[in-house]
Amino acid sequence: MMFGSSQPVSGNSKWRGQLDRFVKENQRHLAALFWGLWLANGNGQGTVGIDLQPSPHFVYCPQKAIEDLNERVESRLQEVLGIIDHQNPELEVVMIAIGQGEIKLIQFAPEPPPAVCFQDVGKDVDELLDLLEARMGEVDFF
């Protein structure tokens, strides 16, 4: 979803495709990170996000900030807010990616579930953050 324009998204969607590939290739590690962060913070910090600029890194997107953005973009994020509000962290991963004035919802149900991914990967949250941010740094999103 592109903001600042009422025109449909077209043109530069390279980052979206690259992100889709990244998520698919790193699904177990992303699920493990999601679960580790969920155990540490629940949803108290907001939704886990991937900010692609200036270099890819993980952030939290507070619920209030997403709601405020939704108001500024004429409720175009209503579905995203519904998904965030009704997610089941024991079964699915929900994250928000931010890139070039656009956001993209990341949502998938890993097999095995996130808790098992966290156990199987055998890394703590900091190690997972370092690993995934390094891997994202190797991707040419833009």
Protein backbone atom coordinates (compact mmCIF):
# COMPACT_ATOMS: atom_id res chain seq x y z
CA MET A 1 0.00 0.00 0.00
CA MET A 2 1.50 3.34 -1.07
CA PHE A 3 0.82 6.50 0.90
CA GLY A 4 0.79 10.12 -0.18
CA SER A 5 -1.07 9.29 -3.38
CA SER A 6 -4.56 8.17 -4.23
CA GLN A 7 -3.24 6.30 -7.28
CA PRO A 8 -2.92 2.51 -7.17
CA VAL A 9 0.52 1.09 -6.51
CA SER A 10 2.51 0.57 -9.66
CA GLY A 11 6.10 0.77 -10.74
CA ASN A 12 8.62 0.17 -7.98
CA SER A 13 7.48 -3.03 -6.34
CA LYS A 14 10.89 -4.72 -6.46
CA TRP A 15 11.23 -4.56 -2.69
CA ARG A 16 7.94 -6.39 -2.23
CA GLY A 17 9.02 -9.32 -4.40
CA GLN A 18 12.44 -9.43 -2.77
CA LEU A 19 10.81 -9.37 0.66
CA ASP A 20 8.45 -12.21 -0.30
CA ARG A 21 11.45 -14.32 -1.33
CA PHE A 22 13.34 -13.40 1.84
CA VAL A 23 10.38 -14.40 4.02
CA LYS A 24 9.94 -17.70 2.19
CA GLU A 25 13.66 -18.57 2.46
CA ASN A 26 13.86 -17.56 6.15
CA GLN A 27 10.43 -18.60 7.38
CA ARG A 28 11.63 -20.79 10.28
CA HIS A 29 14.04 -18.15 11.59
CA LEU A 30 11.45 -15.38 11.24
CA ALA A 31 8.91 -17.53 13.10
CA ALA A 32 11.50 -18.22 15.81
CA LEU A 33 12.27 -14.51 16.15
CA PHE A 34 8.57 -13.65 16.23
CA TRP A 35 7.97 -16.17 19.02
CA GLY A 36 11.00 -15.04 21.02
CA LEU A 37 9.87 -11.43 20.83
CA TRP A 38 6.31 -12.47 21.70
CA LEU A 39 7.55 -14.30 24.80
CA ALA A 40 9.57 -11.26 25.86
CA ASN A 41 6.99 -8.54 25.17
CA GLY A 42 3.63 -9.96 24.12
CA ASN A 43 1.96 -7.26 22.09
CA GLY A 44 2.93 -4.56 24.59
CA GLN A 45 5.51 -3.03 22.23
CA GLY A 46 3.32 -3.32 19.14
CA THR A 47 3.66 -5.37 15.98
CA VAL A 48 7.09 -6.56 14.89
CA GLY A 49 8.19 -4.68 11.81
CA ILE A 50 10.96 -4.73 9.24
CA ASP A 51 12.15 -1.27 8.27
CA LEU A 52 14.09 -1.57 5.01
CA GLN A 53 15.67 1.88 5.09
CA PRO A 54 18.32 3.08 5.46
CA SER A 55 19.45 -0.51 5.98
CA PRO A 56 17.13 -3.42 6.83
CA HIS A 57 16.45 -3.75 10.55
CA PHE A 58 13.70 -4.89 12.91
CA VAL A 59 11.49 -2.40 14.74
CA TYR A 60 8.27 -2.38 16.68
CA CYS A 61 5.23 -0.67 15.17
CA PRO A 62 3.10 0.52 18.11
CA GLN A 63 -0.63 -0.06 17.74
CA LYS A 64 -1.37 3.65 18.24
CA ALA A 65 1.00 4.62 15.41
CA ILE A 66 -0.71 2.16 13.04
CA GLU A 67 -4.13 3.47 14.07
CA ASP A 68 -3.00 7.08 13.53
CA LEU A 69 -1.59 6.18 10.11
CA ASN A 70 -4.87 4.47 9.26
CA GLU A 71 -6.73 7.71 10.02
CA ARG A 72 -4.35 9.73 7.84
CA VAL A 73 -4.79 7.37 4.86
CA GLU A 74 -8.58 7.31 4.88
CA SER A 75 -8.91 3.95 6.69
CA ARG A 76 -6.97 2.02 4.05
CA LEU A 77 -5.27 0.03 6.81
CA GLN A 78 -8.49 -1.21 8.38
CA GLU A 79 -7.94 -4.78 7.17
CA VAL A 80 -4.34 -4.74 8.42
CA LEU A 81 -5.55 -3.56 11.83
CA GLY A 82 -8.12 -6.38 11.88
CA ILE A 83 -5.47 -8.98 11.11
CA ILE A 84 -3.18 -7.60 13.82
CA ASP A 85 -6.01 -7.51 16.37
CA HIS A 86 -7.06 -11.10 15.68
CA GLN A 87 -3.72 -12.81 15.18
CA ASN A 88 -2.95 -16.02 17.04
CA PRO A 89 0.79 -15.90 17.83
CA GLU A 90 0.80 -19.61 18.69
CA LEU A 91 -0.09 -20.44 15.08
CA GLU A 92 0.86 -17.53 12.83
CA VAL A 93 3.45 -14.84 12.28
CA VAL A 94 2.28 -11.28 11.60
CA MET A 95 4.78 -8.52 10.83
CA ILE A 96 4.72 -5.22 8.97
CA ALA A 97 7.37 -4.27 6.42
CA ILE A 98 8.12 -0.62 5.73
CA GLY A 99 9.79 0.52 2.53
CA GLN A 100 9.79 3.67 0.38
CA GLY A 101 6.61 5.22 1.75
CA GLU A 102 4.73 1.92 1.59
CA ILE A 103 3.91 -0.87 3.98
CA LYS A 104 3.40 -4.56 3.36
CA LEU A 105 1.79 -7.06 5.68
CA ILE A 106 3.74 -10.25 6.30
CA GLN A 107 1.53 -13.07 7.50
CA PHE A 108 2.14 -16.80 7.43
CA ALA A 109 1.44 -19.94 9.44
CA PRO A 110 4.76 -21.78 9.73
CA GLU A 111 4.97 -25.52 9.99
CA PRO A 112 5.94 -26.29 12.70
CA PRO A 113 4.34 -23.51 14.79
CA PRO A 114 6.40 -20.52 15.99
CA ALA A 115 7.16 -21.95 19.46
CA VAL A 116 8.58 -25.12 17.94
CA CYS A 117 10.60 -23.08 15.41
CA PHE A 118 12.08 -21.11 18.30
CA GLN A 119 13.02 -24.30 20.11
CA ASP A 120 14.41 -26.01 16.99
CA VAL A 121 16.49 -23.03 15.83
CA GLY A 122 18.21 -22.93 19.21
CA LYS A 123 19.18 -19.23 19.13
CA ASP A 124 18.17 -16.41 21.43
CA VAL A 125 16.41 -13.27 20.22
CA ASP A 126 19.61 -11.23 19.88
CA GLU A 127 21.28 -13.96 17.82
CA LEU A 128 18.20 -14.21 15.59
CA LEU A 129 18.08 -10.43 15.13
CA ASP A 130 21.76 -10.36 14.15
CA LEU A 131 21.41 -13.33 11.78
CA LEU A 132 18.27 -12.09 10.02
CA GLU A 133 19.45 -8.49 9.75
CA ALA A 134 22.72 -9.73 8.22
CA ARG A 135 20.78 -11.86 5.73
CA MET A 136 18.51 -8.93 4.87
CA GLY A 137 21.58 -6.79 4.33
CA GLU A 138 22.60 -9.15 1.51
CA VAL A 139 19.34 -8.59 -0.36
CA ASP A 140 19.03 -5.80 -2.93
CA PHE A 141 15.57 -4.53 -2.00
CA PHE A 142 15.76 -1.29 -4.01
